[in-house]
C-alpha cells in the first residue's frame, strides 16, 4: 500500500511544477511578441577613399556626393590640407540618404568614378594638386 501511495503523492507535485513552468514561458513569449523588433543598420555619412598616392585620400559625403581631397603629412603642418573637389550637393535635400554615393577607383592614379547608387548617375572625379586640374564631370547615358 505504501508503494501505491508514493506515486499518487508525487503526481500532484509534478503536475503543479509543469503547469507553472509552461505558464511563465507563455507569458514571456507573449511579452516578446508584443515588443517590436528593431534592427539598426549603421551607414556612414562620410567615407575616406585612398588614392594611389600614399599621402592623399578623397573624403566623400555619401549622402550628398560632395568630395574633398585630403592630404596628411608626418613632417610638417604645411603638408596637411583639405581641398574642395565638389563643394556642391549632387542631390536635393529631400533625396539625401546615407550611403547613396560610392567612389570606385580606376587604373588612372588621378581618376575615380562616383556612382549614385539610387538613380544610377555617374561622374568622373579627377583629383590633383593643381586646382585647375581638379574636376567632377558627369558621365552621360
N, C-alpha and C. Protein backbone atom coordinates (compact mmCIF):
# COMPACT_ATOMS: atom_id res chain seq x y z
N UNK A 1 0.82 -1.19 0.00
CA UNK A 1 0.00 0.00 0.00
C UNK A 1 0.87 1.26 0.00
N UNK A 2 1.97 1.21 0.76
CA UNK A 2 2.87 2.36 0.78
C UNK A 2 3.46 2.60 -0.60
N UNK A 3 3.71 1.51 -1.34
CA UNK A 3 4.25 1.65 -2.69
C UNK A 3 3.25 2.33 -3.61
N UNK A 4 1.98 2.10 -3.41
CA UNK A 4 0.95 2.71 -4.25
C UNK A 4 0.74 4.18 -3.89
N UNK A 5 0.95 4.54 -2.64
CA UNK A 5 0.71 5.92 -2.18
C UNK A 5 1.78 6.89 -2.70
N UNK A 6 3.01 6.42 -2.79
CA UNK A 6 4.10 7.30 -3.20
C UNK A 6 3.88 7.89 -4.60
N UNK A 7 3.52 7.10 -5.62
CA UNK A 7 3.27 7.71 -6.93
C UNK A 7 2.11 8.70 -6.91
N UNK A 8 1.07 8.42 -6.15
CA UNK A 8 -0.06 9.34 -6.09
C UNK A 8 0.31 10.66 -5.40
N UNK A 9 1.22 10.61 -4.44
CA UNK A 9 1.66 11.83 -3.77
C UNK A 9 2.60 12.65 -4.67
N UNK A 10 3.43 11.99 -5.44
CA UNK A 10 4.38 12.69 -6.30
C UNK A 10 3.72 13.28 -7.55
N UNK A 11 2.66 12.65 -8.03
CA UNK A 11 1.99 13.11 -9.24
C UNK A 11 1.52 14.56 -9.15
N UNK A 12 0.86 14.99 -8.07
CA UNK A 12 0.43 16.40 -7.98
C UNK A 12 1.61 17.38 -7.99
N UNK A 13 2.73 16.99 -7.39
CA UNK A 13 3.90 17.88 -7.39
C UNK A 13 4.43 18.11 -8.81
N UNK A 14 4.52 17.03 -9.59
CA UNK A 14 4.98 17.16 -10.98
C UNK A 14 3.99 17.96 -11.82
N UNK A 15 2.72 17.72 -11.59
CA UNK A 15 1.69 18.42 -12.36
C UNK A 15 1.72 19.92 -12.07
N UNK A 16 1.86 20.30 -10.82
CA UNK A 16 1.92 21.71 -10.44
C UNK A 16 3.19 22.36 -10.99
N UNK A 17 4.32 21.69 -10.85
CA UNK A 17 5.59 22.21 -11.36
C UNK A 17 5.56 22.38 -12.87
N UNK A 18 5.00 21.44 -13.58
CA UNK A 18 4.91 21.51 -15.04
C UNK A 18 4.02 22.64 -15.49
N UNK A 19 2.91 22.85 -14.83
CA UNK A 19 1.99 23.93 -15.21
C UNK A 19 2.61 25.29 -14.97
N UNK A 20 3.31 25.44 -13.87
CA UNK A 20 3.93 26.72 -13.54
C UNK A 20 4.98 27.09 -14.57
N UNK A 21 5.81 26.14 -14.98
CA UNK A 21 6.85 26.40 -15.97
C UNK A 21 6.26 26.78 -17.31
N UNK A 22 5.21 26.12 -17.74
CA UNK A 22 4.59 26.42 -19.03
C UNK A 22 3.93 27.79 -19.02
N UNK A 23 3.33 28.14 -17.90
CA UNK A 23 2.65 29.43 -17.82
C UNK A 23 3.65 30.58 -17.94
N UNK A 24 4.79 30.46 -17.26
CA UNK A 24 5.76 31.55 -17.32
C UNK A 24 6.38 31.66 -18.71
N UNK A 25 6.61 30.55 -19.40
CA UNK A 25 7.14 30.60 -20.76
C UNK A 25 6.13 31.26 -21.69
N UNK A 26 4.89 30.94 -21.52
CA UNK A 26 3.86 31.52 -22.37
C UNK A 26 3.78 33.02 -22.16
N UNK A 27 3.85 33.46 -20.91
CA UNK A 27 3.80 34.89 -20.61
C UNK A 27 5.01 35.61 -21.19
N UNK A 28 6.19 35.01 -21.07
CA UNK A 28 7.38 35.66 -21.62
C UNK A 28 7.34 35.68 -23.14
N UNK A 29 6.80 34.64 -23.74
CA UNK A 29 6.66 34.62 -25.19
C UNK A 29 5.68 35.69 -25.65
N UNK A 30 4.60 35.89 -24.89
CA UNK A 30 3.64 36.94 -25.22
C UNK A 30 4.30 38.32 -25.12
N UNK A 31 5.10 38.52 -24.08
CA UNK A 31 5.77 39.80 -23.90
C UNK A 31 6.74 40.07 -25.06
N UNK A 32 7.47 39.04 -25.49
CA UNK A 32 8.39 39.20 -26.61
C UNK A 32 7.64 39.52 -27.90
N UNK A 33 6.50 38.89 -28.08
CA UNK A 33 5.72 39.11 -29.30
C UNK A 33 5.16 40.53 -29.35
N UNK A 34 4.89 41.13 -28.20
CA UNK A 34 4.32 42.48 -28.16
C UNK A 34 5.38 43.55 -28.40
N UNK A 35 6.65 43.28 -28.06
CA UNK A 35 7.71 44.26 -28.25
C UNK A 35 8.11 44.27 -29.73
N UNK A 36 8.17 45.45 -30.33
CA UNK A 36 8.56 45.49 -31.74
C UNK A 36 10.03 45.13 -31.91
N UNK A 37 10.33 44.42 -32.97
CA UNK A 37 11.70 44.05 -33.28
C UNK A 37 12.33 45.22 -34.02
N UNK A 38 13.39 45.75 -33.45
CA UNK A 38 14.06 46.90 -34.04
C UNK A 38 15.46 46.48 -34.46
N UNK A 39 15.77 46.67 -35.73
CA UNK A 39 17.10 46.40 -36.23
C UNK A 39 17.69 47.72 -36.69
N UNK A 40 18.91 47.98 -36.29
CA UNK A 40 19.56 49.21 -36.72
C UNK A 40 20.74 48.87 -37.61
N UNK A 41 20.89 49.65 -38.66
CA UNK A 41 22.00 49.50 -39.57
C UNK A 41 22.74 50.83 -39.62
N UNK A 42 24.01 50.77 -39.38
CA UNK A 42 24.81 51.98 -39.42
C UNK A 42 25.40 52.14 -40.81
N UNK A 43 25.03 53.21 -41.46
CA UNK A 43 25.59 53.55 -42.76
C UNK A 43 26.33 54.86 -42.58
N UNK A 44 27.62 54.84 -42.87
CA UNK A 44 28.44 56.02 -42.65
C UNK A 44 28.05 57.14 -43.60
N UNK A 45 28.06 58.34 -43.05
CA UNK A 45 27.80 59.50 -43.91
C UNK A 45 29.08 59.87 -44.66
N UNK A 46 30.21 59.87 -43.98
CA UNK A 46 31.47 60.23 -44.62
C UNK A 46 32.37 59.00 -44.71
N UNK A 47 33.05 58.87 -45.85
CA UNK A 47 33.99 57.77 -46.04
C UNK A 47 35.26 58.31 -46.68
N UNK A 48 36.39 57.69 -46.32
CA UNK A 48 37.67 58.04 -46.93
C UNK A 48 38.05 56.97 -47.94
N UNK A 49 38.49 57.41 -49.11
CA UNK A 49 38.93 56.51 -50.16
C UNK A 49 40.40 56.79 -50.47
N UNK A 50 41.25 55.79 -50.34
CA UNK A 50 42.67 56.02 -50.63
C UNK A 50 42.89 56.19 -52.13
N UNK A 51 43.85 57.02 -52.47
CA UNK A 51 44.29 57.13 -53.86
C UNK A 51 45.57 56.30 -53.97
N UNK A 52 46.15 56.26 -55.17
CA UNK A 52 47.41 55.53 -55.33
C UNK A 52 48.59 56.34 -54.80
N UNK A 53 48.34 57.60 -54.43
CA UNK A 53 49.34 58.42 -53.75
C UNK A 53 49.18 58.16 -52.26
N UNK A 54 50.23 57.68 -51.61
CA UNK A 54 50.11 57.25 -50.21
C UNK A 54 49.72 58.37 -49.24
N UNK A 55 49.87 59.62 -49.62
CA UNK A 55 49.58 60.74 -48.74
C UNK A 55 48.19 61.33 -48.97
N UNK A 56 47.49 60.90 -50.01
CA UNK A 56 46.26 61.56 -50.44
C UNK A 56 45.06 60.63 -50.37
N UNK A 57 43.96 61.15 -49.83
CA UNK A 57 42.68 60.45 -49.77
C UNK A 57 41.60 61.35 -50.35
N UNK A 58 40.49 60.74 -50.73
CA UNK A 58 39.30 61.52 -51.10
C UNK A 58 38.25 61.26 -50.03
N UNK A 59 37.74 62.35 -49.45
CA UNK A 59 36.66 62.26 -48.46
C UNK A 59 35.35 62.46 -49.19
N UNK A 60 34.43 61.50 -49.03
CA UNK A 60 33.14 61.55 -49.72
C UNK A 60 32.02 61.67 -48.70
N UNK A 61 31.12 62.62 -48.94
CA UNK A 61 29.86 62.68 -48.21
C UNK A 61 28.91 61.75 -48.97
N UNK A 62 28.65 60.57 -48.42
CA UNK A 62 27.86 59.55 -49.12
C UNK A 62 26.40 59.95 -49.25
N UNK A 63 26.00 61.01 -48.57
CA UNK A 63 24.61 61.48 -48.63
C UNK A 63 24.39 62.47 -49.77
N UNK A 64 25.39 63.33 -50.03
CA UNK A 64 25.21 64.42 -50.99
C UNK A 64 26.08 64.31 -52.24
N UNK A 65 27.14 63.52 -52.18
CA UNK A 65 28.07 63.43 -53.30
C UNK A 65 29.18 64.47 -53.25
N UNK A 66 29.21 65.28 -52.21
CA UNK A 66 30.28 66.27 -52.08
C UNK A 66 31.59 65.55 -51.75
N UNK A 67 32.72 66.09 -52.28
CA UNK A 67 34.02 65.45 -52.08
C UNK A 67 35.10 66.48 -51.78
N UNK A 68 36.11 66.02 -51.03
CA UNK A 68 37.26 66.83 -50.70
C UNK A 68 38.51 65.97 -50.87
N UNK A 69 39.57 66.61 -51.29
CA UNK A 69 40.87 65.94 -51.40
C UNK A 69 41.62 66.21 -50.10
N UNK A 70 42.01 65.14 -49.40
CA UNK A 70 42.72 65.26 -48.13
C UNK A 70 44.16 64.80 -48.30
N UNK A 71 45.06 65.51 -47.67
CA UNK A 71 46.45 65.05 -47.65
C UNK A 71 46.96 65.17 -46.23
N UNK A 72 47.72 64.16 -45.82
CA UNK A 72 48.33 64.21 -44.49
C UNK A 72 49.84 64.22 -44.64
N UNK A 73 50.52 64.55 -43.55
CA UNK A 73 51.97 64.63 -43.57
C UNK A 73 52.51 64.17 -42.22
N UNK A 74 53.68 63.60 -42.23
CA UNK A 74 54.32 63.22 -40.97
C UNK A 74 55.41 64.22 -40.58
N UNK A 75 55.67 65.19 -41.46
CA UNK A 75 56.76 66.13 -41.21
C UNK A 75 56.31 67.50 -40.70
N UNK A 76 55.37 68.11 -41.39
CA UNK A 76 55.01 69.48 -41.02
C UNK A 76 53.54 69.75 -41.31
N UNK A 77 53.05 70.87 -40.77
CA UNK A 77 51.66 71.25 -40.96
C UNK A 77 51.37 71.69 -42.39
N UNK A 78 52.38 72.15 -43.12
CA UNK A 78 52.17 72.61 -44.49
C UNK A 78 51.72 71.48 -45.41
N UNK A 79 52.08 70.27 -45.08
CA UNK A 79 51.72 69.12 -45.90
C UNK A 79 50.33 68.58 -45.64
N UNK A 80 49.63 69.15 -44.65
CA UNK A 80 48.26 68.71 -44.33
C UNK A 80 47.27 69.72 -44.88
N UNK A 81 46.33 69.22 -45.70
CA UNK A 81 45.33 70.14 -46.25
C UNK A 81 44.09 69.39 -46.69
N UNK A 82 43.05 70.16 -46.94
CA UNK A 82 41.79 69.64 -47.47
C UNK A 82 41.31 70.63 -48.54
N UNK A 83 41.16 70.13 -49.78
CA UNK A 83 40.69 70.95 -50.89
C UNK A 83 39.33 70.46 -51.36
N UNK A 84 38.50 71.40 -51.80
CA UNK A 84 37.21 71.03 -52.40
C UNK A 84 37.44 70.35 -53.74
N UNK A 85 36.78 69.22 -53.94
CA UNK A 85 36.70 68.62 -55.27
C UNK A 85 35.33 68.91 -55.86
N UNK A 86 34.32 68.78 -55.01
CA UNK A 86 32.94 69.04 -55.43
C UNK A 86 32.20 69.65 -54.24
N UNK A 87 32.20 70.98 -54.09
CA UNK A 87 31.58 71.59 -52.93
C UNK A 87 30.05 71.62 -52.98
N UNK A 88 29.47 71.30 -54.14
CA UNK A 88 28.01 71.37 -54.29
C UNK A 88 27.37 69.99 -54.21
N UNK A 89 26.24 69.93 -53.51
CA UNK A 89 25.50 68.67 -53.40
C UNK A 89 24.97 68.25 -54.77
N UNK A 90 25.00 66.95 -55.04
CA UNK A 90 24.51 66.42 -56.32
C UNK A 90 23.06 65.99 -56.26
N UNK A 91 22.43 66.09 -55.09
CA UNK A 91 21.01 65.75 -54.92
C UNK A 91 20.33 66.84 -54.12
N UNK A 92 19.00 66.93 -54.26
CA UNK A 92 18.23 67.90 -53.49
C UNK A 92 18.00 67.37 -52.07
N UNK A 93 17.62 68.28 -51.17
CA UNK A 93 17.51 67.94 -49.75
C UNK A 93 16.63 66.73 -49.45
N UNK A 94 15.49 66.61 -50.11
CA UNK A 94 14.58 65.52 -49.76
C UNK A 94 15.01 64.17 -50.35
N UNK A 95 16.10 64.14 -51.09
CA UNK A 95 16.60 62.89 -51.69
C UNK A 95 17.89 62.40 -51.02
N UNK A 96 18.32 63.07 -49.95
CA UNK A 96 19.58 62.70 -49.29
C UNK A 96 19.40 61.44 -48.45
N UNK A 97 20.30 60.49 -48.67
CA UNK A 97 20.29 59.22 -47.93
C UNK A 97 21.74 58.82 -47.70
N UNK A 98 22.09 58.47 -46.47
CA UNK A 98 23.44 57.98 -46.20
C UNK A 98 23.72 56.75 -47.05
N UNK A 99 24.91 56.69 -47.63
CA UNK A 99 25.29 55.55 -48.44
C UNK A 99 24.85 55.64 -49.89
N UNK A 100 24.27 56.75 -50.28
CA UNK A 100 23.76 56.89 -51.65
C UNK A 100 24.90 56.92 -52.67
N UNK A 101 26.02 57.56 -52.35
CA UNK A 101 27.13 57.71 -53.28
C UNK A 101 28.30 56.82 -52.88
N UNK A 102 28.99 56.31 -53.90
CA UNK A 102 30.16 55.45 -53.68
C UNK A 102 31.22 55.80 -54.73
N UNK A 103 32.48 55.76 -54.31
CA UNK A 103 33.60 56.02 -55.23
C UNK A 103 34.25 54.70 -55.62
N UNK A 104 34.62 54.61 -56.89
CA UNK A 104 35.29 53.41 -57.41
C UNK A 104 36.59 53.84 -58.08
N UNK A 105 37.71 53.21 -57.73
CA UNK A 105 38.98 53.58 -58.35
C UNK A 105 39.05 53.11 -59.80
N UNK A 106 39.88 53.78 -60.57
CA UNK A 106 40.16 53.38 -61.94
C UNK A 106 41.65 53.04 -62.02
N UNK A 107 42.11 52.65 -63.19
CA UNK A 107 43.53 52.37 -63.38
C UNK A 107 44.36 53.65 -63.44
N UNK A 108 43.70 54.79 -63.64
CA UNK A 108 44.38 56.08 -63.68
C UNK A 108 44.55 56.57 -62.24
N UNK A 109 45.75 56.92 -61.86
CA UNK A 109 46.05 57.33 -60.48
C UNK A 109 45.20 58.52 -60.02
N UNK A 110 44.81 59.40 -60.94
CA UNK A 110 44.11 60.63 -60.57
C UNK A 110 42.60 60.58 -60.75
N UNK A 111 42.06 59.47 -61.22
CA UNK A 111 40.63 59.41 -61.54
C UNK A 111 39.89 58.32 -60.78
N UNK A 112 38.66 58.65 -60.41
CA UNK A 112 37.71 57.73 -59.79
C UNK A 112 36.39 57.87 -60.53
N UNK A 113 35.51 56.91 -60.33
CA UNK A 113 34.13 57.02 -60.81
C UNK A 113 33.24 57.16 -59.58
N UNK A 114 32.41 58.20 -59.56
CA UNK A 114 31.43 58.40 -58.49
C UNK A 114 30.09 57.88 -59.00
N UNK A 115 29.47 57.00 -58.24
CA UNK A 115 28.19 56.40 -58.64
C UNK A 115 27.10 56.76 -57.65
N UNK A 116 25.97 57.24 -58.17
CA UNK A 116 24.75 57.43 -57.37
C UNK A 116 24.05 56.08 -57.39
N UNK A 117 24.06 55.37 -56.28
CA UNK A 117 23.53 54.01 -56.23
C UNK A 117 22.01 53.95 -56.25
N UNK A 118 21.34 55.09 -56.19
CA UNK A 118 19.88 55.10 -56.25
C UNK A 118 19.39 55.32 -57.68
N UNK A 119 19.91 56.34 -58.36
CA UNK A 119 19.40 56.60 -59.72
C UNK A 119 20.37 56.21 -60.84
N UNK A 120 21.55 55.72 -60.48
CA UNK A 120 22.47 55.20 -61.49
C UNK A 120 23.34 56.23 -62.19
N UNK A 121 23.22 57.49 -61.84
CA UNK A 121 24.05 58.52 -62.47
C UNK A 121 25.51 58.31 -62.05
N UNK A 122 26.42 58.71 -62.94
CA UNK A 122 27.85 58.54 -62.67
C UNK A 122 28.62 59.79 -63.06
N UNK A 123 29.75 60.02 -62.39
CA UNK A 123 30.62 61.16 -62.65
C UNK A 123 32.07 60.68 -62.66
N UNK A 124 32.86 61.31 -63.49
CA UNK A 124 34.30 61.11 -63.46
C UNK A 124 34.86 62.13 -62.48
N UNK A 125 35.63 61.65 -61.51
CA UNK A 125 36.22 62.51 -60.48
C UNK A 125 37.73 62.51 -60.69
N UNK A 126 38.29 63.71 -60.87
CA UNK A 126 39.73 63.82 -61.05
C UNK A 126 40.30 64.69 -59.94
N UNK A 127 41.21 64.13 -59.15
CA UNK A 127 41.87 64.91 -58.12
C UNK A 127 43.24 65.34 -58.65
N UNK A 128 43.75 66.42 -58.08
CA UNK A 128 45.06 66.91 -58.49
C UNK A 128 45.59 67.87 -57.43
N UNK A 129 46.89 68.06 -57.44
CA UNK A 129 47.48 69.08 -56.57
C UNK A 129 47.27 70.47 -57.16
N UNK A 130 47.02 70.53 -58.46
CA UNK A 130 46.76 71.80 -59.14
C UNK A 130 45.25 72.01 -59.26
N UNK A 131 44.78 73.14 -58.75
CA UNK A 131 43.34 73.41 -58.74
C UNK A 131 42.71 73.33 -60.12
N UNK A 132 43.39 73.82 -61.14
CA UNK A 132 42.81 73.84 -62.48
C UNK A 132 42.65 72.43 -63.07
N UNK A 133 43.30 71.44 -62.49
CA UNK A 133 43.18 70.06 -62.98
C UNK A 133 42.19 69.22 -62.18
N UNK A 134 41.57 69.79 -61.15
CA UNK A 134 40.54 69.06 -60.39
C UNK A 134 39.21 69.19 -61.11
N UNK A 135 38.46 68.07 -61.17
CA UNK A 135 37.18 68.14 -61.89
C UNK A 135 36.25 67.02 -61.44
N UNK A 136 34.95 67.31 -61.53
CA UNK A 136 33.89 66.32 -61.37
C UNK A 136 32.99 66.49 -62.58
N UNK A 137 33.04 65.52 -63.49
CA UNK A 137 32.35 65.63 -64.78
C UNK A 137 31.29 64.55 -64.91
N UNK A 138 30.05 64.92 -65.28
CA UNK A 138 29.01 63.90 -65.43
C UNK A 138 29.33 62.96 -66.59
N UNK A 139 29.02 61.69 -66.39
CA UNK A 139 29.13 60.70 -67.46
C UNK A 139 27.71 60.49 -67.96
N UNK A 140 27.44 60.98 -69.16
CA UNK A 140 26.08 60.96 -69.71
C UNK A 140 25.72 59.58 -70.24
N UNK A 141 24.43 59.27 -70.14
CA UNK A 141 23.92 57.99 -70.64
C UNK A 141 23.73 58.06 -72.13
